[in-house]
Protein backbone atom coordinates (compact mmCIF):
# COMPACT_ATOMS: atom_id res chain seq x y z
CA MET A 1 0.14 -0.46 -0.14
CA PRO A 2 1.44 3.30 -1.11
CA ILE A 3 2.67 5.69 1.81
CA THR A 4 0.03 7.75 1.85
CA ASN A 5 -2.27 5.86 1.56
CA ILE A 6 -1.39 4.12 5.03
CA LYS A 7 -1.29 7.61 6.38
CA LYS A 8 -4.97 8.23 5.22
CA VAL A 9 -5.93 5.04 6.68
CA PHE A 10 -4.39 5.63 10.02
CA GLY A 11 -5.86 8.74 10.17
CA GLU A 12 -9.04 7.75 9.18
CA THR A 13 -9.25 4.53 11.82
CA VAL A 14 -7.31 7.46 14.37
CA LYS A 15 -10.24 9.79 13.99
CA ASN A 16 -12.85 6.92 14.08
CA ARG A 17 -11.81 5.64 17.29
CA ARG A 18 -11.91 9.33 19.14
CA SER A 19 -15.50 9.50 18.03
CA ALA A 20 -16.59 6.53 19.34
CA LEU A 21 -15.01 7.49 22.81
CA GLY A 22 -16.86 10.37 22.43
CA ILE A 23 -13.74 12.76 22.62
CA SER A 24 -12.21 15.44 21.25
CA GLN A 25 -9.09 16.53 19.47
CA GLU A 26 -7.87 18.39 21.72
CA THR A 27 -8.89 15.63 24.43
CA LEU A 28 -6.97 13.10 22.45
CA ALA A 29 -3.96 15.72 22.23
CA GLU A 30 -3.59 16.07 25.96
CA ARG A 31 -4.04 12.66 26.64
CA ALA A 32 -1.16 12.28 23.69
CA ASN A 33 0.61 14.49 25.70
CA LEU A 34 0.75 15.80 21.97
CA HIS A 35 -0.37 19.18 19.91
CA ARG A 36 -4.00 19.60 18.27
CA THR A 37 -2.70 20.54 15.30
CA TYR A 38 -0.37 17.34 15.65
CA ILE A 39 -3.54 15.27 15.67
CA SER A 40 -5.85 17.08 13.50
CA ASP A 41 -2.84 16.47 10.54
CA ILE A 42 -2.53 12.67 11.46
CA GLU A 43 -6.74 12.22 10.90
CA ARG A 44 -6.00 14.35 7.59
CA GLY A 45 -3.78 11.40 6.74
CA THR A 46 -1.14 14.06 5.90
CA ARG A 47 1.29 13.44 8.97
CA ASN A 48 4.52 11.41 9.52
CA VAL A 49 3.95 9.84 12.76
CA SER A 50 6.80 7.92 14.91
CA LEU A 51 6.84 5.14 16.50
CA GLU A 52 7.24 6.59 19.62
CA ASN A 53 3.97 9.10 19.20
CA ILE A 54 2.13 5.96 17.27
CA THR A 55 2.84 4.83 20.97
CA ARG A 56 0.74 7.40 22.77
CA ILE A 57 -2.15 8.15 20.66
CA ALA A 58 -2.86 4.17 20.34
CA VAL A 59 -3.07 4.37 24.57
CA ALA A 60 -4.81 7.14 24.58
CA LEU A 61 -7.32 5.81 22.64
CA GLU A 62 -7.20 2.99 24.99
CA THR A 63 -6.01 0.34 22.26
CA SER A 64 -3.19 -0.99 20.74
CA VAL A 65 -0.88 -0.17 17.95
CA HIS A 66 -1.94 -3.84 16.34
CA ILE A 67 -5.42 -2.65 16.28
CA LEU A 68 -4.88 1.14 14.61
CA PHE A 69 -3.51 -0.40 11.93
CA PRO A 70 -7.03 -2.77 9.45
CA GLN A 71 -6.31 -5.60 8.06
CA PRO A 72 -6.77 -5.12 4.04
CA THR A 73 -9.75 -5.93 2.42
CA ALA A 74 -10.00 -8.28 -0.88
CA VAL A 75 -10.58 -4.32 -2.35
CA ASP A 76 -7.06 -3.63 -1.67
CA ALA A 77 -4.89 -5.66 -3.71
CA SER A 78 -2.33 -4.57 -3.09
CA ALA A 79 -1.67 -4.03 0.58
CA VAL A 80 0.85 -6.02 2.15
CA ALA A 81 -0.04 -8.93 4.62
CA ALA A 82 -2.40 -9.03 7.19
CA PRO A 83 -0.85 -7.85 11.03
CA SER A 84 -2.46 -10.62 12.06
CA SER A 85 -0.23 -13.26 9.03
CA GLY A 86 2.49 -10.79 8.86
CA LEU A 87 3.79 -9.30 12.05
CA VAL A 88 7.55 -10.70 12.68
CA ASP A 89 8.78 -12.60 15.66
CA VAL A 90 11.51 -10.49 18.04
CA LEU A 91 13.75 -12.68 19.69
CA LEU A 92 15.39 -11.58 22.91
CA ILE A 93 18.43 -13.38 23.82
CA GLU A 94 19.36 -12.50 27.84
CA ASP A 95 20.34 -13.67 30.40
CA ASN A 96 19.68 -11.10 33.29
CA VAL A 97 16.14 -11.95 34.56
CA ASP A 98 15.78 -8.14 35.64
CA ASP A 99 16.56 -6.95 32.02
CA ILE A 100 13.91 -9.22 30.48
CA GLU A 101 10.80 -8.89 33.20
CA LEU A 102 12.14 -4.71 32.10
CA THR A 103 11.67 -4.96 28.79
CA LEU A 104 8.39 -6.76 28.27
CA ASN A 105 7.13 -4.63 30.87
CA VAL A 106 8.19 -1.72 28.48
CA PHE A 107 7.17 -3.56 25.41
CA GLY A 108 3.86 -4.38 26.86
CA GLN A 109 3.18 -1.22 27.96
CA ALA A 110 3.33 0.43 24.69
CA ARG A 111 1.15 -2.72 23.84
CA PHE A 112 3.70 -3.86 21.30
CA ALA A 113 2.37 -6.20 19.35
CA ASN A 114 4.66 -8.64 17.82
CA HIS A 115 5.54 -12.01 19.53
CA ILE A 116 8.29 -12.17 21.73
CA GLU A 117 10.37 -15.65 21.81
CA VAL A 118 13.35 -14.62 24.74
CA VAL A 119 16.50 -16.93 25.07
CA LYS A 120 18.60 -17.10 27.66
CA ASP A 121 22.16 -18.36 26.66
CA GLY A 122 24.27 -18.31 23.27
CA GLN A 123 24.27 -21.47 22.71
CA GLU A 124 19.92 -21.98 23.27
CA ALA A 125 20.10 -18.68 19.93
CA LEU A 126 21.99 -21.07 17.53
CA ASP A 127 19.62 -23.73 18.97
CA TYR A 128 16.36 -21.26 18.27
CA VAL A 129 16.82 -19.99 15.11
CA PHE A 130 18.30 -23.23 13.39
CA CYS A 131 16.05 -25.33 14.88
CA GLN A 132 18.12 -28.06 16.62
CA GLY A 133 19.19 -29.39 20.01
CA ARG A 134 15.92 -28.46 21.91
CA HIS A 135 14.00 -26.83 19.63
CA THR A 136 14.83 -29.50 16.65
CA GLU A 137 10.65 -29.04 16.77
CA ARG A 138 10.10 -25.94 15.72
CA SER A 139 9.78 -24.42 12.05
CA PRO A 140 12.63 -23.26 10.19
CA ASP A 141 10.28 -21.89 7.77
CA ARG A 142 10.22 -19.28 10.27
CA PHE A 143 12.90 -17.55 11.81
CA PRO A 144 13.10 -14.01 13.93
CA GLY A 145 12.24 -10.93 11.64
CA ILE A 146 14.60 -9.40 14.38
CA ILE A 147 17.49 -9.71 17.89
CA LEU A 148 17.71 -7.94 19.93
CA LEU A 149 20.90 -9.22 21.41
CA ASP A 150 22.54 -9.23 24.45
CA LEU A 151 26.40 -9.00 24.08
CA PHE A 152 27.81 -10.76 27.85
CA LEU A 153 25.92 -14.46 27.15
CA PRO A 154 26.92 -17.60 29.60
CA VAL A 155 27.89 -20.49 27.71
CA LEU A 156 28.14 -18.81 24.36
CA SER A 157 28.80 -15.14 24.28
CA GLY A 158 26.95 -12.65 22.20
CA LEU A 159 29.54 -12.01 19.93
CA GLU A 160 30.00 -15.35 18.72
CA VAL A 161 26.71 -16.04 18.42
CA LEU A 162 26.66 -12.33 15.94
CA ARG A 163 29.65 -14.23 14.17
CA GLN A 164 27.42 -16.87 13.67
CA LEU A 165 24.49 -15.59 12.55
CA LYS A 166 26.49 -13.29 10.02
CA GLY A 167 28.10 -16.10 8.19
CA ASP A 168 25.17 -18.48 7.88
CA LYS A 169 23.80 -17.23 4.66
CA ARG A 170 19.84 -18.09 5.55
CA THR A 171 20.16 -15.39 8.73
CA ARG A 172 22.56 -12.95 7.65
CA ASP A 173 20.10 -10.50 6.39
CA ILE A 174 17.93 -10.96 9.37
CA PRO A 175 18.66 -7.04 11.32
CA VAL A 176 20.70 -7.72 15.14
CA VAL A 177 20.51 -5.14 17.74
CA VAL A 178 23.45 -5.39 20.22
CA LEU A 179 22.36 -5.06 23.82
CA THR A 180 24.94 -3.83 25.92
CA THR A 181 26.21 -2.35 29.24
CA SER A 182 29.90 -1.69 27.64
CA HIS A 183 31.26 1.44 26.99
CA VAL A 184 34.31 0.07 25.54
CA PHE A 185 35.11 1.73 22.21
CA ASP A 186 36.42 -1.98 20.85
CA ASP A 187 33.14 -3.81 21.46
CA PHE A 188 31.03 -1.27 19.77
CA ARG A 189 33.90 -1.97 16.36
CA ALA A 190 33.68 -5.96 17.13
CA CYS A 191 29.88 -5.89 16.31
CA GLU A 192 30.20 -3.39 13.28
CA ARG A 193 32.85 -5.45 11.59
CA LEU A 194 30.06 -8.25 12.39
CA GLY A 195 27.53 -7.14 10.92
CA ALA A 196 25.32 -5.71 13.62
CA ALA A 197 22.61 -3.12 12.69
CA ASP A 198 23.10 -1.11 15.12
CA TYR A 199 23.62 -1.71 19.71
CA ILE A 200 21.27 -0.25 22.73
CA MET A 201 22.91 1.13 25.81
CA LYS A 202 20.81 -0.79 28.65
CA PRO A 203 18.13 -0.96 29.85
CA LEU A 204 16.41 -1.28 26.94
CA ASP A 205 12.91 0.83 26.39
CA PHE A 206 10.66 1.38 23.07
CA LYS A 207 11.71 4.40 22.61
CA LYS A 208 15.42 3.62 22.07
CA LEU A 209 14.07 0.80 19.99
CA SER A 210 12.32 3.51 17.72
CA GLN A 211 15.29 5.62 17.13
CA ILE A 212 17.55 3.95 16.03
CA THR A 213 14.27 2.36 13.28
CA PRO A 214 15.31 4.86 10.54
CA ASN A 215 19.48 2.75 10.62
CA LEU A 216 17.31 -0.78 10.32
CA LYS A 217 14.99 0.43 7.72
CA LEU A 218 11.81 -0.30 9.76
CA ASP A 219 9.28 1.51 10.63
CA TRP A 220 6.20 1.82 12.77
CA VAL A 221 4.52 -1.13 13.30
CA LEU A 222 7.06 -4.67 12.64
CA VAL A 223 5.71 -6.82 9.44
CA LYS A 224 7.04 -8.78 6.69
CA PRO A 225 6.79 -7.03 3.09
CA ALA A 226 4.45 -8.10 0.20
CA GLY A 227 6.31 -11.35 -1.59
CA GLN A 228 8.79 -12.43 1.55
CA THR A 229 9.54 -16.32 1.25
CA PRO A 230 10.52 -18.02 4.40
CA THR A 231 13.99 -17.77 4.37
CA ASP A 232 13.86 -13.44 3.05
CA THR A 233 14.82 -12.85 6.18
CA GLY A 234 14.67 -9.13 5.02
CA ILE A 235 11.59 -7.13 6.88
CA GLU A 236 10.21 -4.17 7.32
CA MET A 237 8.45 -1.96 9.67
CA ARG A 238 4.77 -0.23 8.19
CA ALA A 239 1.89 1.60 9.26
């Protein structure tokens, strides 16, 4: 679906949801901590909206980001896969229980619609991605759409996980975002050299993830592009 049409559909959905709640643009703007003219532009389909502000609007409208993007109809043949079937999986590779809980809570508050799988060590991460070890029953046709990788992991380090993912043609194009508390420049250089898409200083939050999405060629809701095959792991985020 062309971006202009996506913005119009999104704007109409926001307007309809606001009307159903019986609130004005001013009230919605106040709830979302945005300017009224910003809401007006959204509803007219003329505003490019950041992921952070989409999340604010969803919460203000007492709904989820996912719901604000209707599934394409039969008439809309140019649209990509419907969100219910097109959302990509997110793999979180993190061993710190507190960081896992914080990340899931933040994403839950943001009403993040994608499935998030959590594994706690480097070897299990590779087993999950490549459907081996304890994950042999997992479908080999469903690779994660994006991987959030802690740099310091037990069993197998984050750098080694990254090296193996980027060294395999099946997974080399999956965006890998490194999560770290390290301020060591050599660690960043090593991640870049191995092919990491970007890195985020922990603790991870939705705002930090939204800020790096332009670098990942992502925007709005994590979905597969039209025509993606099971082994084609390139993704984009769309409205």
